[in-house]
């Protein structure tokens, strides 16, 4: 009885971890643009803002000190958003951390 309960518990935990690990969604880079952000009181920094569309939602992500685009419109990427942090796996399979700077729903959604 104990072995069966333990085996069942292990199976449930492994299933839960597998589901939790698969939170990336597939999206497409719609466009990118150069933008600025406030670094300090009187300093402004440059960064590239990427617009990634997943279904009817477009996410805007950027990373400080990234001034040249690493992704291009039409690239298929994997995106995971947690709070204001975004993890992107680009078309080449490289995983990078970005900041979520905007989000928009398509009209009528």
N, C-alpha and C. Protein backbone atom coordinates (compact mmCIF):
# COMPACT_ATOMS: atom_id res chain seq x y z
N UNK A 1 0.83 -1.19 0.00
CA UNK A 1 0.00 0.00 0.00
C UNK A 1 0.87 1.25 0.00
N UNK A 2 1.92 1.28 0.84
CA UNK A 2 2.79 2.45 0.92
C UNK A 2 3.55 2.66 -0.38
N UNK A 3 4.01 1.56 -0.99
CA UNK A 3 4.75 1.68 -2.24
C UNK A 3 3.86 2.25 -3.34
N UNK A 4 2.62 1.83 -3.38
CA UNK A 4 1.69 2.32 -4.38
C UNK A 4 1.42 3.81 -4.17
N UNK A 5 1.21 4.21 -2.93
CA UNK A 5 0.96 5.62 -2.63
C UNK A 5 2.18 6.47 -2.97
N UNK A 6 3.36 5.97 -2.65
CA UNK A 6 4.59 6.70 -2.96
C UNK A 6 4.78 6.82 -4.47
N UNK A 7 4.53 5.75 -5.20
CA UNK A 7 4.66 5.77 -6.66
C UNK A 7 3.67 6.76 -7.27
N UNK A 8 2.45 6.78 -6.75
CA UNK A 8 1.43 7.71 -7.22
C UNK A 8 1.83 9.15 -6.94
N UNK A 9 2.35 9.40 -5.75
CA UNK A 9 2.80 10.74 -5.38
C UNK A 9 3.94 11.21 -6.28
N UNK A 10 4.90 10.36 -6.54
CA UNK A 10 6.02 10.71 -7.42
C UNK A 10 5.52 11.01 -8.83
N UNK A 11 4.59 10.22 -9.32
CA UNK A 11 4.05 10.43 -10.66
C UNK A 11 3.32 11.78 -10.74
N UNK A 12 2.55 12.12 -9.73
CA UNK A 12 1.83 13.40 -9.72
C UNK A 12 2.81 14.56 -9.68
N UNK A 13 3.85 14.47 -8.86
CA UNK A 13 4.85 15.54 -8.76
C UNK A 13 5.61 15.72 -10.07
N UNK A 14 6.00 14.63 -10.71
CA UNK A 14 6.71 14.73 -11.98
C UNK A 14 5.82 15.35 -13.06
N UNK A 15 4.56 15.00 -13.06
CA UNK A 15 3.62 15.58 -14.02
C UNK A 15 3.47 17.07 -13.77
N UNK A 16 3.37 17.48 -12.52
CA UNK A 16 3.25 18.90 -12.18
C UNK A 16 4.47 19.68 -12.63
N UNK A 17 5.68 19.12 -12.43
CA UNK A 17 6.89 19.80 -12.87
C UNK A 17 6.95 19.90 -14.39
N UNK A 18 6.52 18.89 -15.09
CA UNK A 18 6.54 18.90 -16.55
C UNK A 18 5.60 19.98 -17.09
N UNK A 19 4.43 20.12 -16.49
CA UNK A 19 3.48 21.15 -16.92
C UNK A 19 4.01 22.53 -16.59
N UNK A 20 4.59 22.72 -15.41
CA UNK A 20 5.12 24.02 -15.00
C UNK A 20 6.30 24.43 -15.87
N UNK A 21 7.09 23.49 -16.34
CA UNK A 21 8.27 23.80 -17.13
C UNK A 21 7.91 24.23 -18.55
N UNK A 22 6.73 23.91 -19.01
CA UNK A 22 6.33 24.19 -20.39
C UNK A 22 5.42 25.41 -20.44
N UNK A 23 5.94 26.58 -20.09
CA UNK A 23 5.11 27.79 -20.09
C UNK A 23 5.48 28.73 -21.22
N UNK A 24 6.40 28.33 -22.09
CA UNK A 24 6.76 29.16 -23.23
C UNK A 24 5.67 29.10 -24.28
N UNK A 25 5.42 30.24 -24.93
CA UNK A 25 4.45 30.31 -26.01
C UNK A 25 5.18 30.71 -27.28
N UNK A 26 4.71 30.19 -28.40
CA UNK A 26 5.31 30.52 -29.68
C UNK A 26 4.71 31.81 -30.22
N UNK A 27 5.59 32.70 -30.67
CA UNK A 27 5.14 33.97 -31.23
C UNK A 27 6.05 34.40 -32.37
N UNK A 28 5.70 35.52 -32.97
CA UNK A 28 6.47 36.07 -34.08
C UNK A 28 6.89 37.49 -33.77
N UNK A 29 8.11 37.82 -34.16
CA UNK A 29 8.57 39.20 -34.04
C UNK A 29 7.89 40.00 -35.15
N UNK A 30 7.09 40.99 -34.75
CA UNK A 30 6.36 41.80 -35.71
C UNK A 30 7.25 42.92 -36.23
N UNK A 31 7.95 43.58 -35.30
CA UNK A 31 8.87 44.65 -35.69
C UNK A 31 9.79 44.95 -34.52
N UNK A 32 10.78 45.77 -34.76
CA UNK A 32 11.64 46.28 -33.70
C UNK A 32 11.87 47.75 -34.00
N UNK A 33 12.19 48.50 -32.96
CA UNK A 33 12.51 49.92 -33.14
C UNK A 33 13.49 50.37 -32.07
N UNK A 34 14.29 51.36 -32.40
CA UNK A 34 15.18 51.96 -31.43
C UNK A 34 14.37 52.88 -30.53
N UNK A 35 14.68 52.86 -29.25
CA UNK A 35 13.95 53.68 -28.30
C UNK A 35 14.92 54.11 -27.19
N UNK A 36 14.40 54.90 -26.28
CA UNK A 36 15.21 55.36 -25.15
C UNK A 36 14.54 54.99 -23.84
N UNK A 37 15.34 54.95 -22.79
CA UNK A 37 14.82 54.72 -21.45
C UNK A 37 15.59 55.60 -20.49
N UNK A 38 14.98 55.88 -19.34
CA UNK A 38 15.60 56.74 -18.33
C UNK A 38 16.59 55.92 -17.52
N UNK A 39 17.89 56.24 -17.63
CA UNK A 39 18.92 55.52 -16.87
C UNK A 39 19.01 56.06 -15.46
N UNK A 40 19.36 57.31 -15.35
CA UNK A 40 19.48 57.99 -14.06
C UNK A 40 18.79 59.34 -14.19
N UNK A 41 18.96 60.19 -13.23
CA UNK A 41 18.26 61.48 -13.23
C UNK A 41 18.37 62.21 -14.57
N UNK A 42 19.56 62.44 -15.04
CA UNK A 42 19.75 63.22 -16.26
C UNK A 42 20.30 62.41 -17.42
N UNK A 43 20.33 61.11 -17.29
CA UNK A 43 20.88 60.26 -18.34
C UNK A 43 19.78 59.45 -19.02
N UNK A 44 19.93 59.33 -20.33
CA UNK A 44 18.99 58.54 -21.12
C UNK A 44 19.79 57.48 -21.85
N UNK A 45 19.28 56.24 -21.82
CA UNK A 45 19.95 55.14 -22.51
C UNK A 45 19.20 54.74 -23.77
N UNK A 46 19.89 54.08 -24.67
CA UNK A 46 19.30 53.57 -25.91
C UNK A 46 19.08 52.07 -25.79
N UNK A 47 18.00 51.58 -26.36
CA UNK A 47 17.78 50.15 -26.44
C UNK A 47 16.88 49.82 -27.61
N UNK A 48 16.82 48.56 -27.96
CA UNK A 48 15.96 48.07 -29.04
C UNK A 48 14.72 47.46 -28.40
N UNK A 49 13.54 47.90 -28.85
CA UNK A 49 12.28 47.35 -28.36
C UNK A 49 11.73 46.41 -29.45
N UNK A 50 11.45 45.17 -29.05
CA UNK A 50 10.89 44.17 -29.96
C UNK A 50 9.40 44.03 -29.69
N UNK A 51 8.63 43.90 -30.76
CA UNK A 51 7.20 43.67 -30.66
C UNK A 51 6.96 42.22 -31.06
N UNK A 52 6.54 41.41 -30.07
CA UNK A 52 6.33 39.97 -30.30
C UNK A 52 4.84 39.67 -30.16
N UNK A 53 4.26 39.11 -31.21
CA UNK A 53 2.83 38.83 -31.22
C UNK A 53 2.57 37.35 -30.95
N UNK A 54 1.69 37.11 -29.98
CA UNK A 54 1.21 35.78 -29.66
C UNK A 54 -0.31 35.87 -29.65
N UNK A 55 -0.94 35.16 -30.56
CA UNK A 55 -2.39 35.23 -30.74
C UNK A 55 -2.81 36.68 -30.93
N UNK A 56 -3.67 37.22 -30.06
CA UNK A 56 -4.16 38.59 -30.21
C UNK A 56 -3.42 39.58 -29.31
N UNK A 57 -2.34 39.14 -28.69
CA UNK A 57 -1.59 40.01 -27.78
C UNK A 57 -0.21 40.30 -28.35
N UNK A 58 0.18 41.56 -28.30
CA UNK A 58 1.51 41.97 -28.72
C UNK A 58 2.28 42.42 -27.49
N UNK A 59 3.42 41.79 -27.25
CA UNK A 59 4.28 42.11 -26.12
C UNK A 59 5.45 42.96 -26.62
N UNK A 60 5.79 43.98 -25.84
CA UNK A 60 6.95 44.81 -26.15
C UNK A 60 8.02 44.49 -25.12
N UNK A 61 9.16 44.01 -25.60
CA UNK A 61 10.26 43.63 -24.71
C UNK A 61 11.53 44.33 -25.13
N UNK A 62 12.38 44.65 -24.13
CA UNK A 62 13.65 45.32 -24.40
C UNK A 62 14.65 44.91 -23.35
N UNK A 63 15.93 45.14 -23.67
CA UNK A 63 17.00 44.80 -22.74
C UNK A 63 18.03 45.92 -22.76
N UNK A 64 18.39 46.38 -21.56
CA UNK A 64 19.37 47.45 -21.45
C UNK A 64 20.67 47.03 -22.12
N UNK A 65 21.32 47.99 -22.72
CA UNK A 65 22.62 47.83 -23.40
C UNK A 65 22.53 47.03 -24.69
N UNK A 66 21.33 46.67 -25.14
CA UNK A 66 21.18 46.03 -26.46
C UNK A 66 20.78 47.14 -27.42
N UNK A 67 21.74 47.60 -28.20
CA UNK A 67 21.50 48.73 -29.10
C UNK A 67 21.41 48.31 -30.57
N UNK A 68 21.74 47.06 -30.85
CA UNK A 68 21.63 46.53 -32.21
C UNK A 68 20.67 45.35 -32.17
N UNK A 69 19.76 45.27 -33.14
CA UNK A 69 18.75 44.20 -33.11
C UNK A 69 19.36 42.82 -33.28
N UNK A 70 18.90 41.90 -32.45
CA UNK A 70 19.31 40.50 -32.55
C UNK A 70 18.22 39.63 -33.15
N UNK A 71 17.02 40.19 -33.27
CA UNK A 71 15.89 39.47 -33.88
C UNK A 71 15.31 40.36 -34.98
N UNK A 72 14.72 39.73 -35.98
CA UNK A 72 14.18 40.46 -37.12
C UNK A 72 12.69 40.14 -37.29
N UNK A 73 11.92 41.05 -37.92
CA UNK A 73 10.51 40.77 -38.19
C UNK A 73 10.36 39.46 -38.95
N UNK A 74 9.40 38.67 -38.53
CA UNK A 74 9.16 37.37 -39.14
C UNK A 74 9.82 36.22 -38.40
N UNK A 75 10.77 36.51 -37.50
CA UNK A 75 11.40 35.45 -36.72
C UNK A 75 10.38 34.81 -35.79
N UNK A 76 10.42 33.49 -35.69
CA UNK A 76 9.58 32.76 -34.75
C UNK A 76 10.39 32.57 -33.47
N UNK A 77 9.78 32.94 -32.34
CA UNK A 77 10.46 32.87 -31.05
C UNK A 77 9.57 32.20 -30.03
N UNK A 78 10.17 31.81 -28.91
CA UNK A 78 9.44 31.29 -27.76
C UNK A 78 9.49 32.37 -26.68
N UNK A 79 8.37 32.67 -26.06
CA UNK A 79 8.29 33.74 -25.07
C UNK A 79 7.64 33.24 -23.80
N UNK A 80 8.24 33.59 -22.66
CA UNK A 80 7.67 33.30 -21.36
C UNK A 80 7.66 34.61 -20.58
N UNK A 81 6.48 35.01 -20.10
CA UNK A 81 6.34 36.26 -19.36
C UNK A 81 5.97 35.95 -17.92
N UNK A 82 6.75 36.53 -16.99
CA UNK A 82 6.47 36.41 -15.56
C UNK A 82 6.61 37.79 -14.96
N UNK A 83 5.49 38.41 -14.63
CA UNK A 83 5.52 39.77 -14.10
C UNK A 83 6.01 40.72 -15.17
N UNK A 84 7.07 41.49 -14.85
CA UNK A 84 7.63 42.40 -15.85
C UNK A 84 8.90 41.84 -16.48
N UNK A 85 9.15 40.56 -16.30
CA UNK A 85 10.31 39.89 -16.90
C UNK A 85 9.83 38.99 -18.03
N UNK A 86 10.64 38.92 -19.08
CA UNK A 86 10.32 38.08 -20.21
C UNK A 86 11.56 37.29 -20.61
N UNK A 87 11.38 36.01 -20.84
CA UNK A 87 12.46 35.16 -21.34
C UNK A 87 12.13 34.82 -22.78
N UNK A 88 13.09 35.08 -23.67
CA UNK A 88 12.89 34.84 -25.09
C UNK A 88 13.92 33.83 -25.58
N UNK A 89 13.43 32.81 -26.27
CA UNK A 89 14.32 31.89 -26.99
C UNK A 89 14.18 32.26 -28.45
N UNK A 90 15.26 32.83 -29.02
CA UNK A 90 15.17 33.33 -30.39
C UNK A 90 15.24 32.22 -31.43
N UNK A 91 15.21 32.59 -32.70
CA UNK A 91 15.17 31.61 -33.79
C UNK A 91 16.40 30.71 -33.82
N UNK A 92 17.53 31.20 -33.28
CA UNK A 92 18.75 30.39 -33.25
C UNK A 92 18.83 29.52 -32.00
N UNK A 93 17.85 29.63 -31.10
CA UNK A 93 17.83 28.82 -29.89
C UNK A 93 18.52 29.46 -28.70
N UNK A 94 18.91 30.73 -28.81
CA UNK A 94 19.57 31.43 -27.70
C UNK A 94 18.52 31.97 -26.73
N UNK A 95 18.73 31.75 -25.45
CA UNK A 95 17.80 32.20 -24.42
C UNK A 95 18.33 33.50 -23.82
N UNK A 96 17.49 34.53 -23.79
CA UNK A 96 17.86 35.84 -23.26
C UNK A 96 16.77 36.37 -22.34
N UNK A 97 17.18 37.13 -21.34
CA UNK A 97 16.24 37.77 -20.42
C UNK A 97 15.96 39.19 -20.91
N UNK A 98 14.70 39.58 -20.94
CA UNK A 98 14.28 40.92 -21.35
C UNK A 98 13.34 41.50 -20.30
N UNK A 99 13.09 42.77 -20.43
CA UNK A 99 12.13 43.46 -19.57
C UNK A 99 10.87 43.69 -20.39
N UNK A 100 9.71 43.42 -19.81
CA UNK A 100 8.44 43.68 -20.47
C UNK A 100 8.15 45.16 -20.32
N UNK A 101 8.11 45.90 -21.44
CA UNK A 101 7.90 47.35 -21.38
C UNK A 101 6.54 47.77 -21.90
N UNK A 102 5.77 46.82 -22.45
CA UNK A 102 4.43 47.14 -22.93
C UNK A 102 3.71 45.89 -23.37
N UNK A 103 2.38 46.01 -23.42
CA UNK A 103 1.54 44.89 -23.84
C UNK A 103 0.25 45.47 -24.38
N UNK A 104 -0.23 44.93 -25.49
CA UNK A 104 -1.46 45.44 -26.09
C UNK A 104 -2.29 44.30 -26.65
N UNK A 105 -3.59 44.41 -26.48
CA UNK A 105 -4.55 43.46 -27.07
C UNK A 105 -5.00 44.02 -28.40
N UNK A 106 -5.25 43.13 -29.36
CA UNK A 106 -5.80 43.57 -30.63
C UNK A 106 -7.22 44.09 -30.40
N UNK A 107 -7.66 45.08 -31.16
CA UNK A 107 -9.02 45.63 -30.99
C UNK A 107 -10.08 44.55 -31.12
N UNK A 108 -11.09 44.63 -30.29
CA UNK A 108 -12.19 43.68 -30.32
C UNK A 108 -11.96 42.43 -29.51
N UNK A 109 -10.89 42.36 -28.76
CA UNK A 109 -10.59 41.17 -27.97
C UNK A 109 -11.02 41.34 -26.54
